[in-house]
């Protein structure tokens, strides 16, 4: 099944499906997918996306269209859950095998909340809900392993996902600001030209040519604007641009919030 046909099948099932990079970052091809929490992509949009990115993976936006997924990053954690609150559920809901673990899908009739992690006895599972997405078949992992449906049944309809996470505790996220600090001021430590090397002289808009790190770029098809701290690639994303946080996140396979913490520091305005 090719990319477009698969996307159409998911849209026909009432799901918002978006193109995903087939690499270790697993980021969406789209700059933002926020509008697709309100509406499904159109056929015209997917025809264009399939033309632009024929080797893309596909992912479903979670939490807004009824579906959420428990993302088990390894087989052992999945079996551990299956012997506990998942007892009797294994095989009874749509389940996808990934390279190292499983995605277990549910249709939640209540409020799913935001994506979050749960932990128990040193093991962790990620609930992909609002604000997230999850890769689905027939996508191919960047290592070459396909995402495969192992239990081809309708997602189990439940009122709340917590029904199947008994004994698991929601993981407390670390605060972005160290205790005692207020009114954080971001201090950018990393500049975009330290990541993307500019080539030649700036044009009239202040942009310089650059080799794109996101595809096999034999000649400079990207650009960097050092003054504005922006980057874009005319081959990958015509007409679009990213800042240093976005680029750092994509190159390192982490979220923008994680990248912000690594390329910036936080200090108190009154601190010396």
C-alpha atoms as a PDB file:
ATOM      1  CA  UNK A   1       0.000   0.000   0.000  1.00  0.00           C
ATOM      2  CA  UNK A   2       1.524   3.323  -0.991  1.00  0.00           C
ATOM      3  CA  UNK A   3       1.633   6.496   1.061  1.00  0.00           C
ATOM      4  CA  UNK A   4      -1.398   8.209  -0.477  1.00  0.00           C
ATOM      5  CA  UNK A   5      -3.658   5.150  -0.370  1.00  0.00           C
ATOM      6  CA  UNK A   6      -2.801   4.537   3.280  1.00  0.00           C
ATOM      7  CA  UNK A   7      -3.448   8.168   4.197  1.00  0.00           C
ATOM      8  CA  UNK A   8      -6.843   8.066   2.463  1.00  0.00           C
ATOM      9  CA  UNK A   9      -7.838   4.959   4.401  1.00  0.00           C
ATOM     10  CA  UNK A  10      -7.078   6.628   7.716  1.00  0.00           C
ATOM     11  CA  UNK A  11      -8.938   9.794   6.699  1.00  0.00           C
ATOM     12  CA  UNK A  12     -11.931   7.707   5.627  1.00  0.00           C
ATOM     13  CA  UNK A  13     -11.879   6.275   9.159  1.00  0.00           C
ATOM     14  CA  UNK A  14     -12.186   9.829  10.533  1.00  0.00           C
ATOM     15  CA  UNK A  15      -8.559  10.301  11.573  1.00  0.00           C
ATOM     16  CA  UNK A  16      -6.190  13.218  10.978  1.00  0.00           C
ATOM     17  CA  UNK A  17      -3.132  11.696   9.319  1.00  0.00           C
ATOM     18  CA  UNK A  18       0.035  13.699   8.637  1.00  0.00           C
ATOM     19  CA  UNK A  19       3.374  13.004   6.868  1.00  0.00           C
ATOM     20  CA  UNK A  20       6.331  12.150   9.136  1.00  0.00           C
ATOM     21  CA  UNK A  21      10.057  12.195   8.407  1.00  0.00           C
ATOM     22  CA  UNK A  22      11.451   8.672   7.973  1.00  0.00           C
ATOM     23  CA  UNK A  23      14.489   9.247  10.168  1.00  0.00           C
ATOM     24  CA  UNK A  24      15.544   9.046  13.798  1.00  0.00           C
ATOM     25  CA  UNK A  25      13.856  12.351  14.633  1.00  0.00           C
ATOM     26  CA  UNK A  26      10.353  11.167  13.596  1.00  0.00           C
ATOM     27  CA  UNK A  27       9.214  14.780  13.279  1.00  0.00           C
ATOM     28  CA  UNK A  28       6.306  15.901  11.074  1.00  0.00           C
ATOM     29  CA  UNK A  29       7.158  17.205   7.629  1.00  0.00           C
ATOM     30  CA  UNK A  30       4.760  20.061   8.347  1.00  0.00           C
ATOM     31  CA  UNK A  31       5.918  23.173  10.170  1.00  0.00           C
ATOM     32  CA  UNK A  32       2.824  22.861  12.365  1.00  0.00           C
ATOM     33  CA  UNK A  33      -0.129  20.496  12.445  1.00  0.00           C
ATOM     34  CA  UNK A  34      -2.270  22.604  14.784  1.00  0.00           C
ATOM     35  CA  UNK A  35      -5.011  23.219  12.206  1.00  0.00           C
ATOM     36  CA  UNK A  36      -5.554  19.468  11.878  1.00  0.00           C
ATOM     37  CA  UNK A  37      -6.792  19.197  15.432  1.00  0.00           C
ATOM     38  CA  UNK A  38      -9.801  21.119  14.111  1.00  0.00           C
ATOM     39  CA  UNK A  39     -10.236  19.529  10.689  1.00  0.00           C
ATOM     40  CA  UNK A  40      -9.058  16.573   8.652  1.00  0.00           C
ATOM     41  CA  UNK A  41      -6.523  17.102   5.858  1.00  0.00           C
ATOM     42  CA  UNK A  42      -8.066  17.358   2.405  1.00  0.00           C
ATOM     43  CA  UNK A  43      -7.447  15.025  -0.504  1.00  0.00           C
ATOM     44  CA  UNK A  44      -5.705  17.889  -2.337  1.00  0.00           C
ATOM     45  CA  UNK A  45      -3.347  18.433   0.593  1.00  0.00           C
ATOM     46  CA  UNK A  46      -2.400  14.782   0.738  1.00  0.00           C
ATOM     47  CA  UNK A  47      -1.838  14.568  -3.015  1.00  0.00           C
ATOM     48  CA  UNK A  48       0.593  17.484  -2.670  1.00  0.00           C
ATOM     49  CA  UNK A  49       2.307  15.979   0.379  1.00  0.00           C
ATOM     50  CA  UNK A  50       2.694  12.602  -1.307  1.00  0.00           C
ATOM     51  CA  UNK A  51       4.296  14.332  -4.287  1.00  0.00           C
ATOM     52  CA  UNK A  52       6.662  16.393  -2.106  1.00  0.00           C
ATOM     53  CA  UNK A  53       7.619  13.561   0.264  1.00  0.00           C
ATOM     54  CA  UNK A  54       6.997  10.191  -1.445  1.00  0.00           C
ATOM     55  CA  UNK A  55       9.123   8.323   1.129  1.00  0.00           C
ATOM     56  CA  UNK A  56       7.470   9.851   4.192  1.00  0.00           C
ATOM     57  CA  UNK A  57       6.001   7.859   7.045  1.00  0.00           C
ATOM     58  CA  UNK A  58       2.511   8.635   8.285  1.00  0.00           C
ATOM     59  CA  UNK A  59       1.225   9.412  11.757  1.00  0.00           C
ATOM     60  CA  UNK A  60      -2.155   9.958  13.394  1.00  0.00           C
ATOM     61  CA  UNK A  61      -2.773  13.045  15.517  1.00  0.00           C
ATOM     62  CA  UNK A  62      -3.777  11.716  18.925  1.00  0.00           C
ATOM     63  CA  UNK A  63      -6.263  12.958  21.495  1.00  0.00           C
ATOM     64  CA  UNK A  64      -8.438  15.139  19.269  1.00  0.00           C
ATOM     65  CA  UNK A  65     -10.073  12.581  16.989  1.00  0.00           C
ATOM     66  CA  UNK A  66     -10.983   9.980  19.588  1.00  0.00           C
ATOM     67  CA  UNK A  67      -7.842   7.836  19.479  1.00  0.00           C
ATOM     68  CA  UNK A  68      -4.980   7.642  21.959  1.00  0.00           C
ATOM     69  CA  UNK A  69      -2.091   5.183  22.120  1.00  0.00           C
ATOM     70  CA  UNK A  70       0.031   3.646  24.830  1.00  0.00           C
ATOM     71  CA  UNK A  71       3.560   3.712  23.441  1.00  0.00           C
ATOM     72  CA  UNK A  72       5.726   0.932  24.887  1.00  0.00           C
ATOM     73  CA  UNK A  73       9.336   1.512  23.899  1.00  0.00           C
ATOM     74  CA  UNK A  74      10.406  -2.089  24.557  1.00  0.00           C
ATOM     75  CA  UNK A  75       8.844  -5.548  24.515  1.00  0.00           C
ATOM     76  CA  UNK A  76       9.543  -6.203  28.206  1.00  0.00           C
ATOM     77  CA  UNK A  77       7.554  -3.179  29.391  1.00  0.00           C
ATOM     78  CA  UNK A  78       4.640  -4.200  27.153  1.00  0.00           C
ATOM     79  CA  UNK A  79       4.628  -7.706  28.643  1.00  0.00           C
ATOM     80  CA  UNK A  80       4.915  -6.230  32.141  1.00  0.00           C
ATOM     81  CA  UNK A  81       1.829  -4.082  31.487  1.00  0.00           C
ATOM     82  CA  UNK A  82       0.008  -7.019  29.893  1.00  0.00           C
ATOM     83  CA  UNK A  83       0.498  -9.107  33.026  1.00  0.00           C
ATOM     84  CA  UNK A  84      -0.983  -6.272  35.125  1.00  0.00           C
ATOM     85  CA  UNK A  85      -3.694  -3.775  34.166  1.00  0.00           C
ATOM     86  CA  UNK A  86      -3.447  -4.906  30.548  1.00  0.00           C
ATOM     87  CA  UNK A  87      -4.418  -8.473  31.477  1.00  0.00           C
ATOM     88  CA  UNK A  88      -7.247  -9.520  29.211  1.00  0.00           C
ATOM     89  CA  UNK A  89      -6.721  -6.526  26.900  1.00  0.00           C
ATOM     90  CA  UNK A  90      -3.879  -7.964  24.838  1.00  0.00           C
ATOM     91  CA  UNK A  91      -5.314  -8.910  21.476  1.00  0.00           C
ATOM     92  CA  UNK A  92      -8.611  -7.116  22.134  1.00  0.00           C
ATOM     93  CA  UNK A  93      -7.661  -3.709  20.698  1.00  0.00           C
ATOM     94  CA  UNK A  94      -5.715  -2.423  17.705  1.00  0.00           C
ATOM     95  CA  UNK A  95      -2.029  -3.043  18.386  1.00  0.00           C
ATOM     96  CA  UNK A  96       1.008  -2.186  16.264  1.00  0.00           C
ATOM     97  CA  UNK A  97       4.487  -3.673  16.660  1.00  0.00           C
ATOM     98  CA  UNK A  98       7.310  -1.158  16.293  1.00  0.00           C
ATOM     99  CA  UNK A  99      11.026  -1.840  16.014  1.00  0.00           C
ATOM    100  CA  UNK A 100      11.453  -2.298  19.784  1.00  0.00           C
ATOM    101  CA  UNK A 101       7.980  -2.264  21.293  1.00  0.00           C
ATOM    102  CA  UNK A 102       4.266  -1.753  20.712  1.00  0.00           C
ATOM    103  CA  UNK A 103       1.637   0.926  20.198  1.00  0.00           C
ATOM    104  CA  UNK A 104      -1.644  -0.069  21.855  1.00  0.00           C
ATOM    105  CA  UNK A 105      -4.593   2.006  20.620  1.00  0.00           C
ATOM    106  CA  UNK A 106      -7.818   2.954  22.398  1.00  0.00           C
ATOM    107  CA  UNK A 107     -10.844   5.055  21.527  1.00  0.00           C
ATOM    108  CA  UNK A 108     -11.451   7.316  24.521  1.00  0.00           C
ATOM    109  CA  UNK A 109     -14.933   8.793  24.961  1.00  0.00           C
ATOM    110  CA  UNK A 110     -13.904  11.023  27.869  1.00  0.00           C
ATOM    111  CA  UNK A 111     -11.356  13.833  28.035  1.00  0.00           C
ATOM    112  CA  UNK A 112      -7.951  12.244  27.249  1.00  0.00           C
ATOM    113  CA  UNK A 113      -5.814  15.159  28.464  1.00  0.00           C
ATOM    114  CA  UNK A 114      -2.335  15.942  27.215  1.00  0.00           C
ATOM    115  CA  UNK A 115       0.327  13.407  26.294  1.00  0.00           C
ATOM    116  CA  UNK A 116       2.119  12.210  29.421  1.00  0.00           C
ATOM    117  CA  UNK A 117       4.212   9.364  30.816  1.00  0.00           C
ATOM    118  CA  UNK A 118       3.422   6.785  33.485  1.00  0.00           C
ATOM    119  CA  UNK A 119       5.954   4.812  35.511  1.00  0.00           C
ATOM    120  CA  UNK A 120       5.928   1.663  37.626  1.00  0.00           C
ATOM    121  CA  UNK A 121       8.826  -0.292  39.106  1.00  0.00           C
ATOM    122  CA  UNK A 122      11.369   1.472  36.931  1.00  0.00           C
ATOM    123  CA  UNK A 123       9.381   0.988  33.729  1.00  0.00           C
ATOM    124  CA  UNK A 124       7.792   3.751  31.683  1.00  0.00           C
ATOM    125  CA  UNK A 125       5.017   4.030  29.101  1.00  0.00           C
ATOM    126  CA  UNK A 126       4.095   7.136  27.120  1.00  0.00           C
ATOM    127  CA  UNK A 127       0.434   7.980  26.624  1.00  0.00           C
ATOM    128  CA  UNK A 128       0.139   9.729  23.289  1.00  0.00           C
ATOM    129  CA  UNK A 129      -2.872  12.010  23.640  1.00  0.00           C
ATOM    130  CA  UNK A 130      -3.487  15.715  23.022  1.00  0.00           C
ATOM    131  CA  UNK A 131      -0.496  17.535  21.613  1.00  0.00           C
ATOM    132  CA  UNK A 132       1.000  14.377  20.155  1.00  0.00           C
ATOM    133  CA  UNK A 133       0.942  12.001  17.214  1.00  0.00           C
ATOM    134  CA  UNK A 134       1.847   8.374  16.672  1.00  0.00           C
ATOM    135  CA  UNK A 135       3.366   6.627  13.654  1.00  0.00           C
ATOM    136  CA  UNK A 136       1.168   3.949  12.076  1.00  0.00           C
ATOM    137  CA  UNK A 137       1.486   1.223   9.408  1.00  0.00           C
ATOM    138  CA  UNK A 138       2.553   0.942   6.655  1.00  0.00           C
ATOM    139  CA  UNK A 139       5.346   3.248   7.838  1.00  0.00           C
ATOM    140  CA  UNK A 140       8.946   2.036   7.890  1.00  0.00           C
ATOM    141  CA  UNK A 141      11.300   2.726  10.797  1.00  0.00           C
ATOM    142  CA  UNK A 142      14.507   4.479   9.748  1.00  0.00           C
ATOM    143  CA  UNK A 143      16.395   1.239  10.462  1.00  0.00           C
ATOM    144  CA  UNK A 144      14.257  -0.557   7.866  1.00  0.00           C
ATOM    145  CA  UNK A 145      11.865  -2.328  10.264  1.00  0.00           C
ATOM    146  CA  UNK A 146       8.203  -1.918   9.250  1.00  0.00           C
ATOM    147  CA  UNK A 147       5.432  -0.887  11.635  1.00  0.00           C
ATOM    148  CA  UNK A 148       3.118  -3.903  11.579  1.00  0.00           C
ATOM    149  CA  UNK A 149      -0.419  -4.380  12.890  1.00  0.00           C
ATOM    150  CA  UNK A 150      -0.376  -7.503  15.073  1.00  0.00           C
ATOM    151  CA  UNK A 151      -3.973  -7.284  16.343  1.00  0.00           C
ATOM    152  CA  UNK A 152      -6.219  -6.041  13.548  1.00  0.00           C
ATOM    153  CA  UNK A 153      -9.315  -5.208  15.560  1.00  0.00           C
ATOM    154  CA  UNK A 154     -11.210  -1.992  16.256  1.00  0.00           C
ATOM    155  CA  UNK A 155      -9.664   0.180  19.003  1.00  0.00           C
ATOM    156  CA  UNK A 156     -11.316  -0.657  22.309  1.00  0.00           C
ATOM    157  CA  UNK A 157     -13.724   2.079  23.392  1.00  0.00           C
ATOM    158  CA  UNK A 158     -13.191   3.240  26.971  1.00  0.00           C
ATOM    159  CA  UNK A 159     -14.168   6.197  29.123  1.00  0.00           C
ATOM    160  CA  UNK A 160     -10.730   6.896  30.588  1.00  0.00           C
ATOM    161  CA  UNK A 161      -7.294   5.498  29.820  1.00  0.00           C
ATOM    162  CA  UNK A 162      -6.500   5.315  33.563  1.00  0.00           C
ATOM    163  CA  UNK A 163      -8.719   2.213  33.689  1.00  0.00           C
ATOM    164  CA  UNK A 164      -5.850   0.319  32.085  1.00  0.00           C
ATOM    165  CA  UNK A 165      -3.007   1.967  33.965  1.00  0.00           C
ATOM    166  CA  UNK A 166      -3.887   0.843  37.477  1.00  0.00           C
ATOM    167  CA  UNK A 167      -0.778   0.831  39.640  1.00  0.00           C
ATOM    168  CA  UNK A 168       1.119   3.118  37.257  1.00  0.00           C
ATOM    169  CA  UNK A 169       1.886   6.633  38.494  1.00  0.00           C
ATOM    170  CA  UNK A 170       1.890   9.693  36.268  1.00  0.00           C
ATOM    171  CA  UNK A 171       5.461  10.862  35.859  1.00  0.00           C
ATOM    172  CA  UNK A 172       6.074  14.302  37.278  1.00  0.00           C
ATOM    173  CA  UNK A 173       7.728  16.565  34.766  1.00  0.00           C
ATOM    174  CA  UNK A 174      10.722  18.573  35.886  1.00  0.00           C
ATOM    175  CA  UNK A 175      10.007  22.297  36.069  1.00  0.00           C
ATOM    176  CA  UNK A 176      11.507  24.438  33.331  1.00  0.00           C
ATOM    177  CA  UNK A 177      12.684  27.043  35.857  1.00  0.00           C
ATOM    178  CA  UNK A 178      14.987  26.168  38.788  1.00  0.00           C
ATOM    179  CA  UNK A 179      13.335  26.571  42.184  1.00  0.00           C
ATOM    180  CA  UNK A 180      13.564  30.117  43.536  1.00  0.00           C
ATOM    181  CA  UNK A 181      13.955  31.800  40.158  1.00  0.00           C
ATOM    182  CA  UNK A 182      11.238  34.033  38.749  1.00  0.00           C
ATOM    183  CA  UNK A 183      10.754  35.969  35.526  1.00  0.00           C
ATOM    184  CA  UNK A 184      13.170  33.812  33.491  1.00  0.00           C
ATOM    185  CA  UNK A 185      15.154  35.538  30.795  1.00  0.00           C
ATOM    186  CA  UNK A 186      16.365  33.316  27.940  1.00  0.00           C
ATOM    187  CA  UNK A 187      20.013  33.717  27.068  1.00  0.00           C
ATOM    188  CA  UNK A 188      20.869  32.144  23.726  1.00  0.00           C
ATOM    189  CA  UNK A 189      24.186  30.346  23.984  1.00  0.00           C
ATOM    190  CA  UNK A 190      24.147  28.621  20.595  1.00  0.00           C
ATOM    191  CA  UNK A 191      23.896  30.450  17.299  1.00  0.00           C
ATOM    192  CA  UNK A 192      22.533  29.031  14.084  1.00  0.00           C
ATOM    193  CA  UNK A 193      25.799  29.546  12.149  1.00  0.00           C
ATOM    194  CA  UNK A 194      27.478  27.207  14.658  1.00  0.00           C
ATOM    195  CA  UNK A 195      25.145  24.445  13.422  1.00  0.00           C
ATOM    196  CA  UNK A 196      24.726  25.357   9.744  1.00  0.00           C
ATOM    197  CA  UNK A 197      27.871  26.709   8.070  1.00  0.00           C
ATOM    198  CA  UNK A 198      27.087  29.700   5.801  1.00  0.00           C
ATOM    199  CA  UNK A 199      28.652  29.749   2.324  1.00  0.00           C
ATOM    200  CA  UNK A 200      29.578  32.859   0.361  1.00  0.00           C
ATOM    201  CA  UNK A 201      28.326  36.403   0.783  1.00  0.00           C
ATOM    202  CA  UNK A 202      24.844  37.404   1.997  1.00  0.00           C
ATOM    203  CA  UNK A 203      22.285  38.352  -0.651  1.00  0.00           C
ATOM    204  CA  UNK A 204      20.090  41.456  -0.550  1.00  0.00           C
ATOM    205  CA  UNK A 205      17.919  39.838   2.132  1.00  0.00           C
ATOM    206  CA  UNK A 206      20.861  38.887   4.291  1.00  0.00           C
ATOM    207  CA  UNK A 207      20.729  35.163   3.475  1.00  0.00           C
ATOM    208  CA  UNK A 208      23.763  33.019   2.648  1.00  0.00           C
ATOM    209  CA  UNK A 209      23.845  29.665   0.908  1.00  0.00           C
ATOM    210  CA  UNK A 210      24.385  26.517   3.000  1.00  0.00           C
ATOM    211  CA  UNK A 211      24.453  22.732   2.705  1.00  0.00           C
ATOM    212  CA  UNK A 212      21.284  21.197   4.140  1.00  0.00           C
ATOM    213  CA  UNK A 213      21.960  18.566   6.848  1.00  0.00           C
ATOM    214  CA  UNK A 214      18.529  16.962   6.357  1.00  0.00           C
ATOM    215  CA  UNK A 215      19.104  15.457   2.922  1.00  0.00           C
ATOM    216  CA  UNK A 216      22.002  14.394   0.695  1.00  0.00           C
ATOM    217  CA  UNK A 217      22.852  17.902  -0.450  1.00  0.00           C
ATOM    218  CA  UNK A 218      25.423  17.820  -3.258  1.00  0.00           C
ATOM    219  CA  UNK A 219      25.291  21.568  -3.761  1.00  0.00           C
ATOM    220  CA  UNK A 220      24.072  24.287  -1.396  1.00  0.00           C
ATOM    221  CA  UNK A 221      20.278  24.198  -1.580  1.00  0.00           C
ATOM    222  CA  UNK A 222      19.687  25.699   1.868  1.00  0.00           C
ATOM    223  CA  UNK A 223      20.113  29.201   3.262  1.00  0.00           C
ATOM    224  CA  UNK A 224      21.068  30.796   6.567  1.00  0.00           C
ATOM    225  CA  UNK A 225      20.301  34.318   7.728  1.00  0.00           C
ATOM    226  CA  UNK A 226      22.818  35.021  10.490  1.00  0.00           C
ATOM    227  CA  UNK A 227      21.323  38.366  11.460  1.00  0.00           C
ATOM    228  CA  UNK A 228      17.788  36.974  11.827  1.00  0.00           C
ATOM    229  CA  UNK A 229      19.010  33.556  13.075  1.00  0.00           C
ATOM    230  CA  UNK A 230      16.890  31.677  10.545  1.00  0.00           C
ATOM    231  CA  UNK A 231      17.465  28.605   8.377  1.00  0.00           C
ATOM    232  CA  UNK A 232      15.545  27.147   5.440  1.00  0.00           C
ATOM    233  CA  UNK A 233      16.012  24.604   2.656  1.00  0.00           C
ATOM    234  CA  UNK A 234      14.606  25.234  -0.805  1.00  0.00           C
ATOM    235  CA  UNK A 235      14.583  21.490  -1.509  1.00  0.00           C
ATOM    236  CA  UNK A 236      13.058  20.205   1.744  1.00  0.00           C
ATOM    237  CA  UNK A 237      10.719  23.024   2.789  1.00  0.00           C
ATOM    238  CA  UNK A 238      10.305  25.701   0.092  1.00  0.00           C
ATOM    239  CA  UNK A 239       9.227  29.008   1.584  1.00  0.00           C
ATOM    240  CA  UNK A 240       9.573  27.867   5.212  1.00  0.00           C
ATOM    241  CA  UNK A 241      12.174  28.614   7.893  1.00  0.00           C
ATOM    242  CA  UNK A 242      13.291  27.499  11.368  1.00  0.00           C
ATOM    243  CA  UNK A 243      15.280  29.012  14.215  1.00  0.00           C
ATOM    244  CA  UNK A 244      18.226  27.559  16.122  1.00  0.00           C
ATOM    245  CA  UNK A 245      16.008  25.707  18.627  1.00  0.00           C
ATOM    246  CA  UNK A 246      14.031  23.985  15.850  1.00  0.00           C
ATOM    247  CA  UNK A 247      17.185  22.951  13.979  1.00  0.00           C
ATOM    248  CA  UNK A 248      18.917  21.669  17.116  1.00  0.00           C
ATOM    249  CA  UNK A 249      15.822  19.636  18.021  1.00  0.00           C
ATOM    250  CA  UNK A 250      15.514  18.042  14.578  1.00  0.00           C
ATOM    251  CA  UNK A 251      19.209  17.196  14.352  1.00  0.00           C
ATOM    252  CA  UNK A 252      19.239  15.564  17.800  1.00  0.00           C
ATOM    253  CA  UNK A 253      15.846  13.859  17.675  1.00  0.00           C
ATOM    254  CA  UNK A 254      14.441  15.712  20.696  1.00  0.00           C
ATOM    255  CA  UNK A 255      11.472  17.994  21.305  1.00  0.00           C
ATOM    256  CA  UNK A 256      11.656  21.763  20.932  1.00  0.00           C
ATOM    257  CA  UNK A 257      11.208  22.182  24.695  1.00  0.00           C
ATOM    258  CA  UNK A 258      14.159  19.868  25.363  1.00  0.00           C
ATOM    259  CA  UNK A 259      16.229  21.699  22.764  1.00  0.00           C
ATOM    260  CA  UNK A 260      15.360  25.062  24.294  1.00  0.00           C
ATOM    261  CA  UNK A 261      16.780  23.908  27.601  1.00  0.00           C
ATOM    262  CA  UNK A 262      19.993  22.746  25.949  1.00  0.00           C
ATOM    263  CA  UNK A 263      20.715  25.719  23.699  1.00  0.00           C
ATOM    264  CA  UNK A 264      19.556  28.328  26.215  1.00  0.00           C
ATOM    265  CA  UNK A 265      20.226  29.025  29.869  1.00  0.00           C
ATOM    266  CA  UNK A 266      17.976  30.649  32.473  1.00  0.00           C
ATOM    267  CA  UNK A 267      19.119  33.374  34.799  1.00  0.00           C
ATOM    268  CA  UNK A 268      17.434  35.709  37.247  1.00  0.00           C
ATOM    269  CA  UNK A 269      17.166  39.306  35.927  1.00  0.00           C
ATOM    270  CA  UNK A 270      18.807  40.640  39.098  1.00  0.00           C
ATOM    271  CA  UNK A 271      21.592  38.072  39.055  1.00  0.00           C
ATOM    272  CA  UNK A 272      25.101  39.428  38.325  1.00  0.00           C
END
